[in-house]
Amino acid sequence: MQPEDDVTRELPDDLSVPAGADVRRGDKVADATGRGVAAGARGVIAAGRVTGRGMTTAFRAARRAARAEGAGDSGLSRLIELHAFNAAGDAAVAISLAGTIFFADPGGARGPVLLFLGLTMLPFAVVAPLLGPFLDRFSHGRRWAIGFTMAFRAFMCWMMADAVASNSVALYPTALGCLIASKAYGVARAATVPRLLPSDQTLVKANSRISLAGVIGGALSAPLAALAATAGGQWSLRYAFVVFAGATILAILLPAQADATAGEQPVGRRERFHLPNTIVFALRCNVGLRLLSGFLTMFMAFVLTQNPFENWNHDTTWLLGLVIGAAGLGNTIGIGLTSVLRKINPAVVVVVGLIADAIAAVCAALFYGLVACVALGLTIGIAQAMGKLALDATIQRDVPETHRTSAFARSETVLQLSWVIGGFLGVALPSGHPVVGLMLLAALIIGWTVFVLIGRRRDLPAPAGA
C-alpha cells in the first residue's frame, strides 16, 4: 500500500482539497449570511422609522385638527381626544361580544333577537332615573365622574376577559355593567361640552367634531381588536382594558373649566323639571329617525337573508352588508357634513331629516330593489346623525346646567326605546312580503311627520294681539 501522502499527491488537481479550504469557505458563507442579516435588520429598522414617522405625522395632524378653531385654548380638544379613546374601547368590546348577536340563522332566531332588543333597554332603565339626577348633583366634579365611568369599564373588561376565558356566567353582569357605564359616560360627556365650547364655534359643530373623532377612533381600533381576538375573545377585552385605562388618565387631565361652578345653583331633591318646547319638538323628530333606523336594521336582516334580491341568492352576507353598511356610511357622512357647515339651525335640521326619511321610505316601497334600499339606508344614516347632533345642541343651549345631564339621560332613553320599537316592528312583520312591510313603514313615518309638524304649530306662541 502507498502512503497516504503519496495517494493525495497522485490525485488530479481538480479533485484535491487543500488544507484549510473548508474553513475558508465556511467563513465566506458566514460573512455573506451576516451581511444579509445586517441588511435585513437595516431594512426593518428603516421601515420601522418610516412607519413611526408616518404614525407621528398622523398623530400630530390629528392633534392639530382637534385643537383647531379655538378648541385647544378652551380645552375642547382634550374632550375630543378622550371621546376617540372611548370609541376605541367600545369597538373592542363590541368585537369581543360579536358572537352573542344571533344573526347566524335569522329565520329561526326571532326569539333570541327579541330578547336582545329587550336587553338593550336595561342600561337606560338605570341611567335615566338614577344616574342622570346623580350626575346633575355631581356636576362640579364631572371630569371625575367621567373618569370613573372609564375606570369602571376598564375593570369590567378585565373581569369579562376572565369570564370569557373560563366560560363563566359572570360575562353577562359584567357586560351589562360595561354598557351602563358607557351610557353614563355619554350623558356626562354631552353635558360637559358647553363648558368647554370655544367662543367661535356652535354647539352643533362642536358635537359633530367630537362624534367624528369617535368614528375615527373606532375605525382605527377595530382592526387591532380583531387581531387580538384571533388569539381568543379575552384578548380583545384585555386590549379594551388598556384603552379604558388610558382614557381614565385623559379624563382626569380634562381642564378645570369642566368643573366650573360660577353662576350655578344646587339641585333640589324634589325639584321637578319640564323639557322646553324646543327640545320636545327636536326629540319627537328624532324619535321618528330612530324608529326608522331600528326597523331597517332588523327587518332587512331577516328579509335579505330569506328573500334576497334577484341574482343575490348566494351572496346574502354581502347584500346585507351593502344595505346596513350604507346606513353606517350615511352616519359618518352626516357627522362629517355637520362638522364643515358653519351655521346650522337645529330645528330646521331635524325637520329636514324627518321629511327626507319619509320620502326615502316611500321610494323604497314603490321601487323596491337594491338601489332603493341602499339609498334608504344612506338617507337614514345621514338624517339620524345630523338629527342627533341637532338635538344635543338644543339641549345644551336651552336646558340649565342644573338639569342638563338628566335631560340628556331622558332623551337618550326615549331614543333607545324608539329604536327598540322600530326593531320589534321589523322582527314582527312577515319577511316574505318586503314591499308590504316598507309600505307600512312609509305610512307610519308620514303619519308621524304630520303629527310632529302639527304639534309644533300648536306649541308655537300665539301672535301678539290674537
Protein backbone atom coordinates (compact mmCIF):
# COMPACT_ATOMS: atom_id res chain seq x y z
CA MET A 1 0.00 0.00 0.00
CA GLN A 2 1.15 3.50 -0.77
CA PRO A 3 1.47 6.05 1.98
CA GLU A 4 -1.46 8.44 2.41
CA ASP A 5 0.65 11.41 1.30
CA ASP A 6 1.50 9.67 -1.99
CA VAL A 7 -2.20 8.99 -2.70
CA THR A 8 -3.06 12.60 -2.08
CA ARG A 9 -0.25 13.77 -4.39
CA GLU A 10 -1.47 11.50 -7.21
CA LEU A 11 -4.99 12.90 -7.18
CA PRO A 12 -5.84 15.28 -10.06
CA ASP A 13 -5.70 18.96 -9.31
CA ASP A 14 -9.48 19.43 -9.61
CA LEU A 15 -10.11 16.70 -7.01
CA SER A 16 -7.50 17.62 -4.49
CA VAL A 17 -8.70 19.61 -1.41
CA PRO A 18 -6.07 21.94 0.01
CA ALA A 19 -5.74 22.04 3.76
CA GLY A 20 -7.93 24.72 5.40
CA ALA A 21 -10.22 25.13 2.35
CA ASP A 22 -13.36 24.10 4.28
CA VAL A 23 -12.64 26.66 6.96
CA ARG A 24 -12.17 29.48 4.44
CA ARG A 25 -15.34 28.52 2.54
CA GLY A 26 -17.34 28.41 5.81
CA ASP A 27 -16.02 31.84 6.72
CA LYS A 28 -17.19 33.23 3.37
CA VAL A 29 -20.67 31.73 3.84
CA ALA A 30 -20.85 33.12 7.39
CA ASP A 31 -19.75 36.55 6.18
CA ALA A 32 -22.38 36.54 3.42
CA THR A 33 -25.06 35.42 5.88
CA GLY A 34 -24.03 38.09 8.35
CA ARG A 35 -24.16 40.77 5.67
CA GLY A 36 -27.65 39.55 4.65
CA VAL A 37 -28.89 39.60 8.21
CA ALA A 38 -27.41 43.04 8.76
CA ALA A 39 -29.01 44.31 5.55
CA GLY A 40 -32.35 42.83 6.57
CA ALA A 41 -32.06 44.38 10.00
CA ARG A 42 -31.27 47.76 8.45
CA GLY A 43 -34.32 47.35 6.19
CA VAL A 44 -36.55 46.52 9.13
CA ILE A 45 -35.19 49.49 11.08
CA ALA A 46 -35.71 51.78 8.10
CA ALA A 47 -39.24 50.51 7.60
CA GLY A 48 -39.90 50.99 11.31
CA ARG A 49 -38.60 54.54 11.10
CA VAL A 50 -40.81 55.30 8.11
CA THR A 51 -43.84 53.77 9.82
CA GLY A 52 -43.02 55.61 13.01
CA ARG A 53 -42.67 58.91 11.15
CA GLY A 54 -45.98 58.25 9.39
CA MET A 55 -47.75 57.50 12.65
CA THR A 56 -46.15 60.53 14.29
CA THR A 57 -47.22 62.73 11.38
CA ALA A 58 -50.76 61.36 11.51
CA PHE A 59 -50.88 61.84 15.28
CA ARG A 60 -49.68 65.42 15.00
CA ALA A 61 -52.19 66.13 12.24
CA ALA A 62 -54.97 64.72 14.41
CA ARG A 63 -53.83 66.85 17.33
CA ARG A 64 -53.79 69.96 15.15
CA ALA A 65 -57.29 69.18 13.87
CA ALA A 66 -58.56 68.63 17.41
CA ARG A 67 -57.06 71.94 18.57
CA ALA A 68 -58.30 73.98 15.59
CA GLU A 69 -60.76 76.88 15.83
CA GLY A 70 -60.00 77.63 19.47
CA ALA A 71 -60.62 74.09 20.74
CA GLY A 72 -57.08 73.85 22.07
CA ASP A 73 -57.41 77.02 24.15
CA SER A 74 -60.84 76.20 25.53
CA GLY A 75 -59.98 72.60 26.42
CA LEU A 76 -62.46 71.05 23.98
CA SER A 77 -59.56 69.27 22.24
CA ARG A 78 -58.99 67.20 25.38
CA LEU A 79 -62.61 66.06 25.29
CA ILE A 80 -62.30 65.25 21.57
CA GLU A 81 -59.26 63.05 22.23
CA LEU A 82 -60.99 61.41 25.18
CA HIS A 83 -64.00 60.52 23.04
CA ALA A 84 -61.72 58.91 20.46
CA PHE A 85 -60.35 56.64 23.21
CA ASN A 86 -63.89 55.93 24.39
CA ALA A 87 -64.98 54.84 20.90
CA ALA A 88 -61.82 52.73 20.53
CA GLY A 89 -62.61 50.85 23.73
CA ASP A 90 -66.27 50.40 22.83
CA ALA A 91 -65.27 48.99 19.44
CA ALA A 92 -63.04 46.43 21.12
CA VAL A 93 -65.82 45.38 23.50
CA ALA A 94 -68.31 45.10 20.62
CA ILE A 95 -65.93 42.89 18.62
CA SER A 96 -65.28 40.61 21.56
CA LEU A 97 -69.01 40.17 22.18
CA ALA A 98 -69.96 39.87 18.50
CA GLY A 99 -70.59 36.15 18.89
CA THR A 100 -73.58 36.87 21.16
CA ILE A 101 -75.54 38.51 18.31
CA PHE A 102 -77.99 35.97 16.98
CA PHE A 103 -77.93 36.59 13.23
CA ALA A 104 -76.26 33.35 12.19
CA ASP A 105 -79.69 31.89 11.37
CA PRO A 106 -82.17 34.79 11.26
CA GLY A 107 -85.05 32.61 10.15
CA GLY A 108 -85.01 30.73 13.45
CA ALA A 109 -83.63 33.48 15.64
CA ARG A 110 -86.64 35.76 16.13
CA GLY A 111 -86.97 34.81 19.79
CA PRO A 112 -83.31 35.50 20.71
CA VAL A 113 -83.35 38.74 18.71
CA LEU A 114 -86.46 39.95 20.56
CA LEU A 115 -84.71 39.10 23.83
CA PHE A 116 -81.64 41.03 22.69
CA LEU A 117 -83.80 44.07 21.88
CA GLY A 118 -85.31 43.94 25.35
CA LEU A 119 -81.90 43.70 27.00
CA THR A 120 -80.70 46.84 25.21
CA MET A 121 -83.15 48.85 27.32
CA LEU A 122 -81.70 47.72 30.66
CA PRO A 123 -78.81 50.23 30.77
CA PHE A 124 -81.23 53.10 30.17
CA ALA A 125 -83.51 51.85 32.94
CA VAL A 126 -80.62 52.71 35.27
CA VAL A 127 -79.20 55.79 33.53
CA ALA A 128 -82.40 57.85 33.18
CA PRO A 129 -83.99 57.69 36.66
CA LEU A 130 -80.86 57.13 38.75
CA LEU A 131 -77.60 58.23 37.15
CA GLY A 132 -78.99 61.33 35.42
CA PRO A 133 -80.07 63.15 38.60
CA PHE A 134 -76.98 61.90 40.44
CA LEU A 135 -74.64 63.33 37.79
CA ASP A 136 -76.56 66.62 37.92
CA ARG A 137 -75.79 66.86 41.63
CA PHE A 138 -72.19 65.84 40.87
CA SER A 139 -71.79 68.45 38.12
CA HIS A 140 -69.00 70.29 39.97
CA GLY A 141 -66.80 67.20 39.66
CA ARG A 142 -67.85 66.00 36.23
CA ARG A 143 -64.37 65.15 34.99
CA TRP A 144 -64.02 62.78 37.95
CA ALA A 145 -67.42 61.28 37.11
CA ILE A 146 -66.29 60.77 33.50
CA GLY A 147 -63.03 59.28 34.76
CA PHE A 148 -64.96 56.89 36.99
CA THR A 149 -67.01 55.61 34.03
CA MET A 150 -63.74 54.88 32.20
CA ALA A 151 -62.09 53.18 35.18
CA PHE A 152 -65.21 51.13 35.85
CA ARG A 153 -65.31 49.93 32.25
CA ALA A 154 -61.62 49.01 32.43
CA PHE A 155 -62.36 46.88 35.49
CA MET A 156 -65.43 45.31 33.84
CA CYS A 157 -63.39 44.47 30.73
CA TRP A 158 -60.76 42.71 32.82
CA MET A 159 -63.49 40.72 34.61
CA MET A 160 -65.18 39.91 31.28
CA ALA A 161 -61.89 38.65 29.88
CA ASP A 162 -61.60 36.17 32.74
CA ALA A 163 -65.25 35.18 32.27
CA VAL A 164 -64.74 34.56 28.54
CA ALA A 165 -61.61 32.53 29.18
CA SER A 166 -63.40 30.34 31.75
CA ASN A 167 -66.86 30.30 30.06
CA SER A 168 -68.35 31.79 33.22
CA VAL A 169 -71.85 33.25 33.53
CA ALA A 170 -70.18 36.34 35.02
CA LEU A 171 -69.88 37.51 31.42
CA TYR A 172 -73.47 38.79 31.42
CA PRO A 173 -73.48 41.01 34.53
CA THR A 174 -70.07 42.43 33.67
CA ALA A 175 -71.19 43.18 30.10
CA LEU A 176 -74.30 44.89 31.45
CA GLY A 177 -72.18 46.95 33.85
CA CYS A 178 -69.95 47.98 30.96
CA LEU A 179 -72.98 49.08 28.92
CA ILE A 180 -74.40 51.11 31.82
CA ALA A 181 -71.07 52.88 32.34
CA SER A 182 -70.88 53.58 28.59
CA LYS A 183 -74.30 55.25 28.61
CA ALA A 184 -73.42 57.20 31.76
CA TYR A 185 -70.28 58.48 30.03
CA GLY A 186 -72.34 59.57 27.03
CA VAL A 187 -74.72 61.74 29.03
CA ALA A 188 -71.94 63.16 31.23
CA ARG A 189 -69.78 63.99 28.21
CA ALA A 190 -72.66 65.67 26.38
CA ALA A 191 -73.44 67.79 29.43
CA THR A 192 -69.79 68.89 29.68
CA VAL A 193 -69.45 70.22 26.11
CA PRO A 194 -70.95 73.70 26.79
CA ARG A 195 -68.34 74.34 29.50
CA LEU A 196 -65.50 73.79 27.01
CA LEU A 197 -67.09 75.38 23.94
CA PRO A 198 -64.83 77.87 22.08
CA SER A 199 -66.31 81.31 21.51
CA ASP A 200 -66.26 80.96 17.70
CA GLN A 201 -67.89 77.50 17.50
CA THR A 202 -71.52 76.45 17.62
CA LEU A 203 -72.71 73.56 19.77
CA VAL A 204 -73.75 71.57 16.69
CA LYS A 205 -70.28 71.87 15.18
CA ALA A 206 -68.54 71.02 18.46
CA ASN A 207 -70.70 67.91 18.87
CA SER A 208 -70.03 66.86 15.28
CA ARG A 209 -66.26 67.17 15.77
CA ILE A 210 -66.45 65.02 18.89
CA SER A 211 -68.58 62.43 17.08
CA LEU A 212 -66.19 62.41 14.12
CA ALA A 213 -63.29 61.75 16.47
CA GLY A 214 -65.27 58.80 17.82
CA VAL A 215 -65.75 57.40 14.31
CA ILE A 216 -62.02 57.67 13.62
CA GLY A 217 -61.09 56.16 16.98
CA GLY A 218 -63.41 53.21 16.47
CA ALA A 219 -62.20 52.65 12.90
CA LEU A 220 -58.56 52.59 13.98
CA SER A 221 -59.21 50.39 16.99
CA ALA A 222 -61.42 47.78 15.33
CA PRO A 223 -58.61 46.06 13.31
CA LEU A 224 -56.38 45.94 16.40
CA ALA A 225 -59.18 44.44 18.47
CA ALA A 226 -59.98 41.94 15.71
CA LEU A 227 -56.31 40.94 15.56
CA ALA A 228 -56.25 40.44 19.33
CA ALA A 229 -59.47 38.43 19.13
CA THR A 230 -57.79 35.88 16.85
CA ALA A 231 -55.98 34.66 19.97
CA GLY A 232 -59.27 34.49 21.87
CA GLY A 233 -62.11 36.82 22.79
CA GLN A 234 -60.49 37.53 26.16
CA TRP A 235 -57.52 39.24 24.49
CA SER A 236 -59.61 41.87 22.74
CA LEU A 237 -61.18 42.59 26.13
CA ARG A 238 -57.73 42.95 27.68
CA TYR A 239 -56.86 45.33 24.88
CA ALA A 240 -60.04 47.28 25.78
CA PHE A 241 -58.84 47.34 29.39
CA VAL A 242 -55.64 49.11 28.31
CA VAL A 243 -57.61 51.61 26.20
CA PHE A 244 -60.03 52.46 29.00
CA ALA A 245 -57.18 52.74 31.50
CA GLY A 246 -55.57 55.34 29.24
CA ALA A 247 -58.93 57.09 28.85
CA THR A 248 -59.21 57.30 32.65
CA ILE A 249 -56.00 59.32 32.76
CA LEU A 250 -57.21 61.58 29.94
CA ALA A 251 -60.48 62.19 31.80
CA ILE A 252 -58.67 63.29 34.94
CA LEU A 253 -56.49 65.60 32.82
CA LEU A 254 -59.52 67.43 31.42
CA PRO A 255 -59.23 71.19 32.09
CA ALA A 256 -60.54 72.52 35.38
CA GLN A 257 -63.10 74.52 33.42
CA ALA A 258 -65.07 71.29 33.04
CA ASP A 259 -65.82 71.59 36.78
CA ALA A 260 -66.64 75.32 36.72
CA THR A 261 -69.22 76.37 39.32
CA ALA A 262 -69.68 80.06 38.53
CA GLY A 263 -73.33 81.11 38.39
CA GLU A 264 -74.71 77.65 39.21
CA GLN A 265 -77.34 76.76 41.78
CA PRO A 266 -77.56 73.46 43.66
CA VAL A 267 -80.20 70.99 42.51
CA GLY A 268 -83.03 70.39 44.93
CA ARG A 269 -84.01 66.82 45.65
CA ARG A 270 -87.72 67.43 44.99
CA GLU A 271 -87.25 69.93 42.20
CA ARG A 272 -89.16 68.98 39.04
CA PHE A 273 -88.04 69.89 35.57
CA HIS A 274 -90.04 70.02 32.32
CA LEU A 275 -88.35 69.97 28.95
CA PRO A 276 -88.80 73.16 26.91
CA ASN A 277 -90.96 73.00 23.77
CA THR A 278 -87.91 73.33 21.51
CA ILE A 279 -86.43 70.15 22.96
CA VAL A 280 -89.75 68.29 22.88
CA PHE A 281 -90.06 69.11 19.18
CA ALA A 282 -86.49 68.05 18.37
CA LEU A 283 -86.93 64.88 20.41
CA ARG A 284 -90.13 63.96 18.58
CA CYS A 285 -88.38 64.34 15.24
CA ASN A 286 -85.52 62.15 16.43
CA VAL A 287 -87.99 59.51 17.63
CA GLY A 288 -89.10 59.06 14.02
CA LEU A 289 -85.48 58.90 12.83
CA ARG A 290 -84.53 56.25 15.39
CA LEU A 291 -87.67 54.19 14.81
CA LEU A 292 -86.85 54.00 11.12
CA SER A 293 -83.25 53.03 11.88
CA GLY A 294 -84.28 50.18 14.18
CA PHE A 295 -86.81 48.93 11.65
CA LEU A 296 -84.33 48.97 8.78
CA THR A 297 -81.70 47.05 10.77
CA MET A 298 -83.98 44.24 11.94
CA PHE A 299 -86.40 44.00 9.01
CA MET A 300 -83.69 43.94 6.36
CA ALA A 301 -81.64 41.43 8.37
CA PHE A 302 -84.50 38.93 8.03
CA VAL A 303 -85.73 39.92 4.56
CA LEU A 304 -82.38 39.89 2.77
CA THR A 305 -81.33 36.53 4.19
CA GLN A 306 -84.65 34.81 3.40
CA ASN A 307 -85.77 36.66 0.27
CA PRO A 308 -82.69 38.23 -1.32
CA PHE A 309 -82.79 40.31 -4.47
CA GLU A 310 -82.54 38.57 -7.81
CA ASN A 311 -79.06 37.22 -8.62
CA TRP A 312 -78.01 37.61 -4.95
CA ASN A 313 -79.12 34.21 -3.66
CA HIS A 314 -75.59 33.11 -2.79
CA ASP A 315 -74.30 36.46 -1.57
CA THR A 316 -76.75 37.37 1.17
CA THR A 317 -73.97 38.41 3.54
CA TRP A 318 -72.64 40.94 1.03
CA LEU A 319 -76.18 42.06 0.29
CA LEU A 320 -76.92 42.69 3.95
CA GLY A 321 -73.60 44.47 4.30
CA LEU A 322 -74.44 46.81 1.43
CA VAL A 323 -77.80 47.87 2.87
CA ILE A 324 -76.88 48.05 6.56
CA GLY A 325 -73.40 49.35 5.72
CA ALA A 326 -75.00 52.19 3.75
CA ALA A 327 -76.65 53.34 6.97
CA GLY A 328 -73.28 53.30 8.73
CA LEU A 329 -71.68 55.21 5.88
CA GLY A 330 -74.54 57.71 5.97
CA ASN A 331 -73.97 58.20 9.69
CA THR A 332 -70.33 59.09 9.05
CA ILE A 333 -71.28 61.38 6.17
CA GLY A 334 -73.84 63.13 8.34
CA ILE A 335 -71.29 63.75 11.08
CA GLY A 336 -68.69 65.00 8.62
CA LEU A 337 -71.21 67.20 6.82
CA THR A 338 -72.31 68.78 10.08
CA SER A 339 -68.71 69.44 11.10
CA VAL A 340 -67.95 71.50 7.97
CA LEU A 341 -71.15 73.55 7.90
CA ARG A 342 -70.72 76.90 9.63
CA LYS A 343 -74.26 77.86 10.62
CA ILE A 344 -76.95 75.25 11.26
CA ASN A 345 -80.42 75.80 12.68
CA PRO A 346 -81.14 72.68 14.80
CA ALA A 347 -84.91 72.97 14.31
CA VAL A 348 -84.52 73.00 10.52
CA VAL A 349 -82.10 70.05 10.59
CA VAL A 350 -84.46 67.72 12.47
CA VAL A 351 -87.44 68.60 10.26
CA VAL A 352 -85.49 68.15 7.02
CA GLY A 353 -84.11 64.83 8.27
CA LEU A 354 -87.57 63.51 9.13
CA ILE A 355 -89.04 64.58 5.79
CA ALA A 356 -86.08 63.08 3.89
CA ASP A 357 -86.56 59.76 5.67
CA ALA A 358 -90.27 59.74 4.83
CA ILE A 359 -89.52 60.38 1.14
CA ALA A 360 -86.83 57.67 1.09
CA ALA A 361 -89.18 55.16 2.72
CA VAL A 362 -91.88 55.87 0.11
CA CYS A 363 -89.36 55.47 -2.73
CA ALA A 364 -88.07 52.19 -1.27
CA ALA A 365 -91.63 50.84 -1.11
CA LEU A 366 -92.52 51.96 -4.65
CA PHE A 367 -89.23 50.99 -6.33
CA TYR A 368 -88.19 48.06 -4.18
CA GLY A 369 -84.72 46.85 -5.12
CA LEU A 370 -81.07 47.02 -4.21
CA VAL A 371 -80.56 50.66 -5.27
CA ALA A 372 -83.69 51.88 -3.46
CA CYS A 373 -82.81 50.02 -0.25
CA VAL A 374 -79.19 51.24 -0.27
CA ALA A 375 -80.47 54.80 -0.82
CA LEU A 376 -82.88 54.33 2.09
CA GLY A 377 -80.07 53.15 4.36
CA LEU A 378 -77.82 56.04 3.32
CA THR A 379 -80.58 58.60 3.91
CA ILE A 380 -81.46 57.12 7.30
CA GLY A 381 -77.82 57.22 8.41
CA ILE A 382 -77.30 60.85 7.37
CA ALA A 383 -80.59 62.04 8.88
CA GLN A 384 -80.05 60.17 12.15
CA ALA A 385 -76.54 61.58 12.66
CA MET A 386 -77.49 65.17 11.88
CA GLY A 387 -80.74 64.93 13.85
CA LYS A 388 -78.97 63.62 16.96
CA LEU A 389 -76.32 66.35 16.81
CA ALA A 390 -79.05 68.98 16.45
CA LEU A 391 -80.93 67.54 19.43
CA ASP A 392 -77.81 67.57 21.59
CA ALA A 393 -77.12 71.19 20.66
CA THR A 394 -80.70 72.15 21.54
CA ILE A 395 -80.44 70.53 24.97
CA GLN A 396 -77.06 72.14 25.62
CA ARG A 397 -78.47 75.53 24.61
CA ASP A 398 -81.92 75.52 26.25
CA VAL A 399 -81.56 73.40 29.41
CA PRO A 400 -79.99 74.93 32.53
CA GLU A 401 -76.80 73.38 33.83
CA THR A 402 -78.55 72.06 36.92
CA HIS A 403 -80.75 69.72 34.85
CA ARG A 404 -78.71 69.18 31.71
CA THR A 405 -77.46 65.66 32.48
CA SER A 406 -80.95 64.48 33.42
CA ALA A 407 -82.27 65.93 30.16
CA PHE A 408 -79.65 64.00 28.19
CA ALA A 409 -80.43 60.81 30.10
CA ARG A 410 -84.14 61.16 29.42
CA SER A 411 -83.63 61.94 25.73
CA GLU A 412 -81.24 59.01 25.27
CA THR A 413 -83.74 56.68 26.92
CA VAL A 414 -86.57 57.86 24.66
CA LEU A 415 -84.39 57.49 21.56
CA GLN A 416 -83.25 54.00 22.51
CA LEU A 417 -86.84 52.98 23.22
CA SER A 418 -87.80 54.30 19.76
CA TRP A 419 -85.04 52.22 18.15
CA VAL A 420 -86.21 49.12 20.02
CA ILE A 421 -89.85 49.70 18.97
CA GLY A 422 -88.71 50.01 15.35
CA GLY A 423 -86.70 46.82 15.77
CA PHE A 424 -89.73 44.99 17.22
CA LEU A 425 -91.80 46.08 14.21
CA GLY A 426 -89.07 44.86 11.86
CA VAL A 427 -88.98 41.44 13.55
CA ALA A 428 -92.77 41.11 13.85
CA LEU A 429 -93.66 41.95 10.23
CA PRO A 430 -93.59 38.99 7.82
CA SER A 431 -90.33 38.96 5.89
CA GLY A 432 -91.92 37.18 2.93
CA HIS A 433 -93.57 40.40 1.76
CA PRO A 434 -90.91 43.13 1.96
CA VAL A 435 -92.85 45.63 -0.17
CA VAL A 436 -95.84 45.42 2.18
CA GLY A 437 -93.58 45.98 5.17
CA LEU A 438 -91.91 49.00 3.60
CA MET A 439 -95.31 50.46 2.67
CA LEU A 440 -96.48 50.13 6.26
CA LEU A 441 -93.27 51.77 7.42
CA ALA A 442 -93.68 54.62 4.93
CA ALA A 443 -97.25 55.20 6.11
CA LEU A 444 -96.07 55.19 9.73
CA ILE A 445 -93.30 57.72 9.08
CA ILE A 446 -95.58 60.01 7.07
CA GLY A 447 -98.18 59.92 9.85
CA TRP A 448 -95.52 60.65 12.47
CA THR A 449 -94.15 63.55 10.41
CA VAL A 450 -97.61 65.12 10.16
CA PHE A 451 -98.14 64.63 13.91
CA VAL A 452 -94.83 66.30 14.75
CA LEU A 453 -95.40 69.29 12.47
CA ILE A 454 -98.97 69.82 13.71
CA GLY A 455 -97.74 69.57 17.28
CA ARG A 456 -95.03 72.13 16.54
CA ARG A 457 -97.57 74.57 15.16
CA ARG A 458 -99.79 74.10 18.21
CA ASP A 459 -96.88 74.69 20.61
CA LEU A 460 -95.83 77.95 18.94
CA PRO A 461 -96.79 81.07 20.95
CA ALA A 462 -99.83 82.92 19.69
CA PRO A 463 -99.08 86.14 17.79
CA ALA A 464 -99.44 89.42 19.65
CA GLY A 465 -102.98 90.78 19.68
CA ALA A 466 -104.54 87.39 18.86
